[in-house]
Every structure is written in C-alpha cells, then in structure tokens.
Amino acid sequence: MTAASDLFGLGGRTAVVTGASSGLGTTFAETLAGAGANVVLAARRVDRLEELAGRIERDGGAAVAVACDIADPDQTEALMAAAVDAFGSLDVVVANAGVVAEGGAVPEQVKPELFARTVEVNLAGTFHTCQAAGRRMLANGAGSIITVASVAGLGASFEAPGAYSASKAATISLTKDLALRWGDRGVRVNSIAPGWFPSEMTDVPLSVPPLRERIAGQTALRRVGDPAELAGALLLLASDAGSYITGTVISVDGGQSASFGTSPYPDMLYAALAERVPDGMGVRIMPEGDSR
C-alpha cells in the first residue's frame, strides 16, 4: 500500500505559482513548498514575492521570486525558462493570477477598458501561462497544470461582476480543452473553483457585514472559507494522488455551487411550505430546543 505522504508528496519537483504576491496565491505557494516542492513565485510585485521566498526558505524550503505580468506572453515564457534554470525541471504550474478590474460596477456602467482588462488577464493571461508551461511539459512527457477559476465561473451571481464571471467560465472551458489535447502526452490540466475566501480581491465585499452575511448564507456550510481549506484540492491535483484526474473542476466553495448561490429560504417561507406540503414532508428537522 502506498503511503499518503508518498502519494501527495512533491519532493524534488518544481512548482510555479502565478499571482503569488498575495491572497490565495501565497497559500498555494506555501502549501506546495510544505509538500516538498521547489517553488517559483511569480507576480508583478517582486518585493512581496521576495518576502514570501524568505519565509519559505526559513521554513526549510526552496523558493525564487520572478517578476511576471501574465498578460504578456513573453514574460510567461521567461518565467517558465527561469523555473527550469533555477531548479532543472518544470512539474507543476498553478495559473492563479487574476483581477476584477470592473469591481462592483453594474453591467450597464462598466467601461469597455475595464471589461477588456479582466478578460486580458484572467483568460488570455491564463492561456499564456498554460501554453508556456505546456510546451516544456509536453516535451518532457509529464506535468500538472492547475488553473484557478471560481465559483463565479459555474453560474452567475449578483456578487460577481459579469466580466469576471465570464472570464472564469472561459477558464474552465480552456482547462477542459487543454486536458483533452495534452493528455496523450502526459500533461494533466485541471481547475480549482474557489468560493469566497479572504483575500485582497474580496476585502471590500467581505468587510461589509450585511454582504458578508448574505455571501455566507449562500453556502451550505453558512460561512466563508479559510484559505488553508484549499490545500487538499491543490495537493490532489498537483501530486501523484491525482494521476488519473484531468479535465475536471474541483469546487472548494462550502457548497455554494450546489445551488449556484441561491439564497436560503427565510423561516417564514419554510413555515408556509410546512403548512402546505402533505404528510409533514415540508417540516424541517431542527436541533433540539430550536423553536422555529
């Protein structure tokens, strides 16, 4: 029987994480380093990358920082070359970098340049990252690429702007396409679709108590996520534990996509249904002592 540490371990492998300067990218990088990977940290804010690299190295890992704007294909090519130069291989790539350029604007007010910027980074930039990595992995006959989509790519919601949602839906489609085309040469391509987690991107909506409550209420678990809760899905897809998984999307969203973000019924609606549904089939089982 293969030990779990062997299945999920990444010792001796090289992993690239884009958008590693903050938020979920930092969590992804630390998780991969903790599993033994040599980590290449990529983003535009090099000072933050160097701070992260220092923390990883103090914990006994190996990391290098590389400045990269994924919207520029020349820079993604240089990034993958730097990874091979630094550690001798390219085994795992997490295409995490993304933006919400249009913020909370209503669709009828979104400026064209903001829509275009979101698509340029989230879709075209993800493709540039995958292509630059794929060329090297295909020549090697092995590799795992993990795109970072979003629960917003699985269905629309009032909390996610249209360009962002569309770009993430397209990322999921791109992931499946690349998995189909590259699987015969040993390269797996999968996606993680996070729900709501604390990050720079979500600071504003999660800092508004009524909106945070609404967002939490749209999940089956009734809360936002802890970034550490993404580690399991990441390691499954990056490691040999996921060797027969490709072209799939793993939602880590507290159950939000189970209902595509539908808000829960208020108690008065449950009560009305309980009166109308025959044979007591509309009555919820509640914890003992709950009078609702």
Protein backbone atom coordinates (compact mmCIF):
# COMPACT_ATOMS: atom_id res chain seq x y z
CA MET A 1 0.00 0.00 0.00
CA THR A 2 1.34 3.43 -0.95
CA ALA A 3 1.72 5.82 1.96
CA ALA A 4 -0.29 9.03 1.83
CA SER A 5 2.91 11.03 2.20
CA ASP A 6 4.25 9.41 -0.97
CA LEU A 7 1.02 9.95 -2.90
CA PHE A 8 0.70 13.63 -2.02
CA GLY A 9 4.39 14.47 -1.68
CA LEU A 10 6.16 16.76 -4.16
CA GLY A 11 9.76 16.30 -3.08
CA GLY A 12 12.24 17.19 -5.81
CA ARG A 13 9.62 18.71 -8.10
CA THR A 14 9.41 22.28 -9.32
CA ALA A 15 6.16 24.24 -8.99
CA VAL A 16 5.37 27.67 -10.44
CA VAL A 17 2.64 29.79 -8.85
CA THR A 18 1.46 32.96 -10.58
CA GLY A 19 -0.20 35.69 -8.56
CA ALA A 20 1.83 34.54 -5.57
CA SER A 21 2.30 38.00 -4.04
CA SER A 22 -0.94 37.92 -2.04
CA GLY A 23 -4.15 36.11 -1.20
CA LEU A 24 -4.72 32.58 -2.38
CA GLY A 25 -1.52 32.59 -4.42
CA THR A 26 0.51 32.89 -1.23
CA THR A 27 -1.41 30.00 0.28
CA PHE A 28 -0.85 27.86 -2.81
CA ALA A 29 2.89 28.57 -2.78
CA GLU A 30 3.27 27.78 0.92
CA THR A 31 1.25 24.57 0.52
CA LEU A 32 3.39 23.31 -2.36
CA ALA A 33 6.61 24.20 -0.53
CA GLY A 34 5.31 22.38 2.54
CA ALA A 35 4.84 19.27 0.38
CA GLY A 36 8.49 19.44 -0.65
CA ALA A 37 8.34 21.29 -3.98
CA ASN A 38 10.86 23.87 -5.10
CA VAL A 39 8.63 26.89 -5.67
CA VAL A 40 8.92 29.64 -8.26
CA LEU A 41 6.90 32.66 -7.17
CA ALA A 42 5.57 34.93 -9.90
CA ALA A 43 3.73 38.27 -9.80
CA ARG A 44 4.27 41.91 -10.61
CA ARG A 45 5.05 42.95 -7.01
CA VAL A 46 8.52 41.49 -6.58
CA ASP A 47 9.05 42.90 -3.08
CA ARG A 48 6.19 40.79 -1.76
CA LEU A 49 7.46 37.73 -3.61
CA GLU A 50 10.88 38.14 -2.02
CA GLU A 51 9.30 38.35 1.43
CA LEU A 52 7.39 35.13 0.75
CA ALA A 53 10.50 33.41 -0.61
CA GLY A 54 12.32 34.36 2.56
CA ARG A 55 9.61 32.81 4.75
CA ILE A 56 9.62 29.60 2.72
CA GLU A 57 13.41 29.33 2.94
CA ARG A 58 13.39 29.96 6.69
CA ASP A 59 10.99 27.03 6.98
CA GLY A 60 13.46 24.81 5.14
CA GLY A 61 12.04 25.11 1.61
CA ALA A 62 13.45 26.43 -1.64
CA ALA A 63 11.91 29.37 -3.50
CA VAL A 64 12.81 32.03 -6.03
CA ALA A 65 10.92 35.19 -7.00
CA VAL A 66 10.37 36.14 -10.64
CA ALA A 67 8.64 39.32 -11.83
CA CYS A 68 5.91 38.45 -14.33
CA ASP A 69 2.84 40.08 -15.84
CA ILE A 70 0.93 37.14 -17.29
CA ALA A 71 -0.86 39.40 -19.78
CA ASP A 72 2.47 39.49 -21.67
CA PRO A 73 3.27 36.11 -23.31
CA ASP A 74 6.97 36.97 -23.49
CA GLN A 75 7.00 37.27 -19.72
CA THR A 76 5.29 33.93 -19.16
CA GLU A 77 7.83 32.30 -21.47
CA ALA A 78 10.64 33.89 -19.47
CA LEU A 79 9.02 32.73 -16.23
CA MET A 80 8.97 29.06 -17.25
CA ALA A 81 12.52 29.31 -18.53
CA ALA A 82 13.59 30.80 -15.20
CA ALA A 83 11.95 27.91 -13.33
CA VAL A 84 13.91 25.34 -15.34
CA ASP A 85 17.10 27.33 -14.95
CA ALA A 86 16.65 27.58 -11.19
CA PHE A 87 15.66 24.02 -10.38
CA GLY A 88 16.19 21.91 -13.50
CA SER A 89 12.58 20.92 -14.20
CA LEU A 90 9.00 22.12 -14.52
CA ASP A 91 6.49 19.77 -12.96
CA VAL A 92 3.56 21.76 -11.57
CA VAL A 93 2.11 25.12 -12.58
CA VAL A 94 -0.68 26.90 -10.72
CA ALA A 95 -2.18 29.56 -13.00
CA ASN A 96 -3.62 31.66 -10.21
CA ALA A 97 -3.08 35.32 -11.20
CA GLY A 98 -6.30 37.23 -11.83
CA VAL A 99 -8.08 40.56 -11.48
CA VAL A 100 -11.55 42.02 -11.03
CA ALA A 101 -10.90 45.21 -12.95
CA GLU A 102 -14.55 46.28 -13.08
CA GLY A 103 -15.01 45.89 -9.32
CA GLY A 104 -18.61 46.22 -8.20
CA ALA A 105 -19.88 48.21 -11.19
CA VAL A 106 -23.29 47.33 -12.57
CA PRO A 107 -23.00 45.90 -16.10
CA GLU A 108 -24.63 48.85 -17.81
CA GLN A 109 -21.93 51.13 -16.37
CA VAL A 110 -18.80 49.03 -16.95
CA LYS A 111 -16.20 50.85 -19.01
CA PRO A 112 -15.01 48.84 -22.03
CA GLU A 113 -11.37 49.05 -20.99
CA LEU A 114 -12.15 47.50 -17.60
CA PHE A 115 -14.05 44.63 -19.19
CA ALA A 116 -11.15 44.10 -21.59
CA ARG A 117 -8.55 44.16 -18.80
CA THR A 118 -10.37 41.45 -16.84
CA VAL A 119 -10.53 39.21 -19.89
CA GLU A 120 -6.93 40.03 -20.86
CA VAL A 121 -5.56 38.85 -17.52
CA ASN A 122 -7.98 36.15 -16.42
CA LEU A 123 -8.42 34.39 -19.75
CA ALA A 124 -5.61 35.40 -22.12
CA GLY A 125 -3.08 35.54 -19.28
CA THR A 126 -4.09 32.09 -18.08
CA PHE A 127 -3.68 30.78 -21.63
CA HIS A 128 -0.22 32.36 -21.92
CA THR A 129 0.75 30.68 -18.64
CA CYS A 130 -0.60 27.28 -19.67
CA GLN A 131 0.96 27.47 -23.14
CA ALA A 132 4.42 28.41 -21.89
CA ALA A 133 4.28 25.63 -19.30
CA GLY A 134 2.68 23.12 -21.67
CA ARG A 135 5.41 23.41 -24.27
CA ARG A 136 8.01 22.31 -21.76
CA MET A 137 5.88 19.66 -20.06
CA LEU A 138 4.86 18.10 -23.38
CA ALA A 139 8.50 17.80 -24.39
CA ASN A 140 9.12 16.12 -21.03
CA GLY A 141 6.11 13.80 -21.24
CA ALA A 142 4.72 14.79 -17.85
CA GLY A 143 3.31 17.65 -15.82
CA SER A 144 0.32 19.02 -13.95
CA ILE A 145 -1.24 22.40 -14.71
CA ILE A 146 -3.85 23.75 -12.33
CA THR A 147 -5.88 26.75 -13.38
CA VAL A 148 -7.70 28.77 -10.76
CA ALA A 149 -11.25 29.50 -11.85
CA SER A 150 -14.03 30.50 -9.46
CA VAL A 151 -17.46 29.50 -8.30
CA ALA A 152 -18.44 32.58 -10.34
CA GLY A 153 -17.49 30.63 -13.46
CA LEU A 154 -20.10 27.98 -12.68
CA GLY A 155 -23.11 30.28 -12.52
CA ALA A 156 -23.94 33.97 -12.31
CA SER A 157 -24.50 35.81 -9.04
CA PHE A 158 -25.11 39.39 -8.03
CA GLU A 159 -21.86 39.36 -6.04
CA ALA A 160 -19.57 38.63 -9.03
CA PRO A 161 -19.22 41.10 -11.95
CA GLY A 162 -20.06 39.90 -15.45
CA ALA A 163 -16.58 40.15 -16.99
CA TYR A 164 -15.07 38.27 -14.06
CA SER A 165 -17.70 35.53 -14.19
CA ALA A 166 -17.38 35.21 -17.97
CA SER A 167 -13.58 35.04 -17.79
CA LYS A 168 -13.71 32.31 -15.19
CA ALA A 169 -16.29 30.31 -17.14
CA ALA A 170 -13.98 30.58 -20.15
CA THR A 171 -11.05 29.46 -17.98
CA ILE A 172 -12.96 26.30 -17.13
CA SER A 173 -13.64 25.65 -20.81
CA LEU A 174 -9.99 26.30 -21.66
CA THR A 175 -8.92 23.88 -18.95
CA LYS A 176 -11.04 21.10 -20.42
CA ASP A 177 -9.79 21.82 -23.93
CA LEU A 178 -6.13 21.66 -22.94
CA ALA A 179 -6.70 18.50 -20.90
CA LEU A 180 -8.25 16.84 -23.94
CA ARG A 181 -5.43 17.87 -26.27
CA TRP A 182 -2.45 17.27 -23.99
CA GLY A 183 -3.43 14.18 -22.04
CA ASP A 184 -1.97 11.77 -24.61
CA ARG A 185 1.45 13.26 -23.92
CA GLY A 186 1.33 13.03 -20.15
CA VAL A 187 0.19 16.53 -19.21
CA ARG A 188 -2.79 16.83 -16.90
CA VAL A 189 -4.81 20.07 -16.77
CA ASN A 190 -7.40 20.66 -14.07
CA SER A 191 -9.06 23.58 -12.33
CA ILE A 192 -9.92 24.63 -8.80
CA ALA A 193 -13.02 26.79 -8.45
CA PRO A 194 -12.82 28.56 -5.08
CA GLY A 195 -15.83 30.11 -3.47
CA TRP A 196 -15.44 33.08 -1.12
CA PHE A 197 -12.16 33.31 0.77
CA PRO A 198 -10.46 36.27 2.47
CA SER A 199 -8.02 37.92 0.06
CA GLU A 200 -7.16 41.31 -1.39
CA MET A 201 -9.72 40.69 -4.11
CA THR A 202 -12.53 40.06 -1.62
CA ASP A 203 -11.57 42.54 1.10
CA VAL A 204 -14.24 45.09 0.21
CA PRO A 205 -17.32 42.85 -0.04
CA LEU A 206 -16.34 40.76 2.98
CA SER A 207 -15.81 43.90 5.06
CA VAL A 208 -19.48 44.88 4.69
CA PRO A 209 -21.33 42.88 7.38
CA PRO A 210 -24.70 42.51 5.57
CA LEU A 211 -22.96 41.43 2.36
CA ARG A 212 -20.70 39.00 4.18
CA GLU A 213 -23.76 37.51 5.87
CA ARG A 214 -25.52 37.17 2.51
CA ILE A 215 -22.46 35.52 0.94
CA ALA A 216 -22.07 33.11 3.86
CA GLY A 217 -25.79 32.38 3.69
CA GLN A 218 -25.48 31.23 0.09
CA THR A 219 -23.23 28.33 1.10
CA ALA A 220 -24.32 25.01 2.53
CA LEU A 221 -21.81 25.47 5.37
CA ARG A 222 -23.03 29.03 6.09
CA ARG A 223 -19.58 30.60 6.18
CA VAL A 224 -16.76 31.88 4.00
CA GLY A 225 -13.73 29.65 3.57
CA ASP A 226 -10.36 29.55 5.26
CA PRO A 227 -7.54 29.65 2.66
CA ALA A 228 -5.99 26.57 4.27
CA GLU A 229 -9.06 24.64 3.12
CA LEU A 230 -7.79 24.86 -0.46
CA ALA A 231 -4.68 22.81 0.32
CA GLY A 232 -6.30 19.39 -0.10
CA ALA A 233 -7.64 20.04 -3.59
CA LEU A 234 -4.36 21.64 -4.65
CA LEU A 235 -2.20 18.75 -3.50
CA LEU A 236 -4.55 16.18 -5.01
CA LEU A 237 -4.24 17.76 -8.45
CA ALA A 238 -0.53 18.56 -8.19
CA SER A 239 0.67 15.19 -6.95
CA ASP A 240 0.63 11.54 -7.98
CA ALA A 241 -2.54 11.14 -5.92
CA GLY A 242 -4.35 12.75 -8.86
CA SER A 243 -2.54 10.86 -11.61
CA TYR A 244 -5.81 9.77 -13.28
CA ILE A 245 -7.56 13.12 -12.91
CA THR A 246 -7.58 15.54 -15.82
CA GLY A 247 -10.06 17.93 -17.38
CA THR A 248 -12.00 18.30 -14.16
CA VAL A 249 -13.03 21.19 -11.92
CA ILE A 250 -12.97 20.86 -8.15
CA SER A 251 -15.22 23.35 -6.41
CA VAL A 252 -14.00 24.38 -2.98
CA ASP A 253 -16.88 26.63 -2.07
CA GLY A 254 -18.64 25.40 1.04
CA GLY A 255 -21.43 24.03 -1.13
CA GLN A 256 -22.28 27.31 -2.85
CA SER A 257 -22.32 25.78 -6.33
CA ALA A 258 -24.69 23.05 -5.16
CA SER A 259 -27.39 25.68 -5.55
CA PHE A 260 -25.49 28.15 -7.76
CA GLY A 261 -25.59 30.67 -4.95
CA THR A 262 -29.33 30.70 -4.32
CA SER A 263 -30.12 32.49 -1.07
CA PRO A 264 -31.63 30.28 1.65
CA TYR A 265 -35.35 30.43 2.38
CA PRO A 266 -36.33 32.70 5.28
CA ASP A 267 -38.03 30.99 8.19
CA MET A 268 -41.46 32.37 7.23
CA LEU A 269 -41.22 30.63 3.85
CA TYR A 270 -40.27 27.32 5.44
CA ALA A 271 -43.29 27.71 7.76
CA ALA A 272 -45.62 28.42 4.84
CA LEU A 273 -44.38 25.36 2.98
CA ALA A 274 -44.71 23.20 6.08
CA GLU A 275 -48.44 24.08 6.18
CA ARG A 276 -49.00 23.21 2.54
CA VAL A 277 -46.86 20.15 1.84
CA PRO A 278 -48.79 16.97 2.77
CA ASP A 279 -47.73 14.27 5.20
CA GLY A 280 -45.36 16.52 7.09
CA MET A 281 -42.89 16.43 4.25
CA GLY A 282 -42.41 20.19 4.41
CA VAL A 283 -41.39 20.27 8.07
CA ARG A 284 -37.69 20.65 8.73
CA ILE A 285 -35.93 18.63 11.39
CA MET A 286 -34.39 21.20 13.70
CA PRO A 287 -31.88 20.93 16.56
CA GLU A 288 -33.50 20.14 19.89
CA GLY A 289 -34.64 23.31 21.61
CA ASP A 290 -34.86 25.37 18.39
CA SER A 291 -38.41 26.85 18.35
CA ARG A 292 -38.51 27.87 14.68
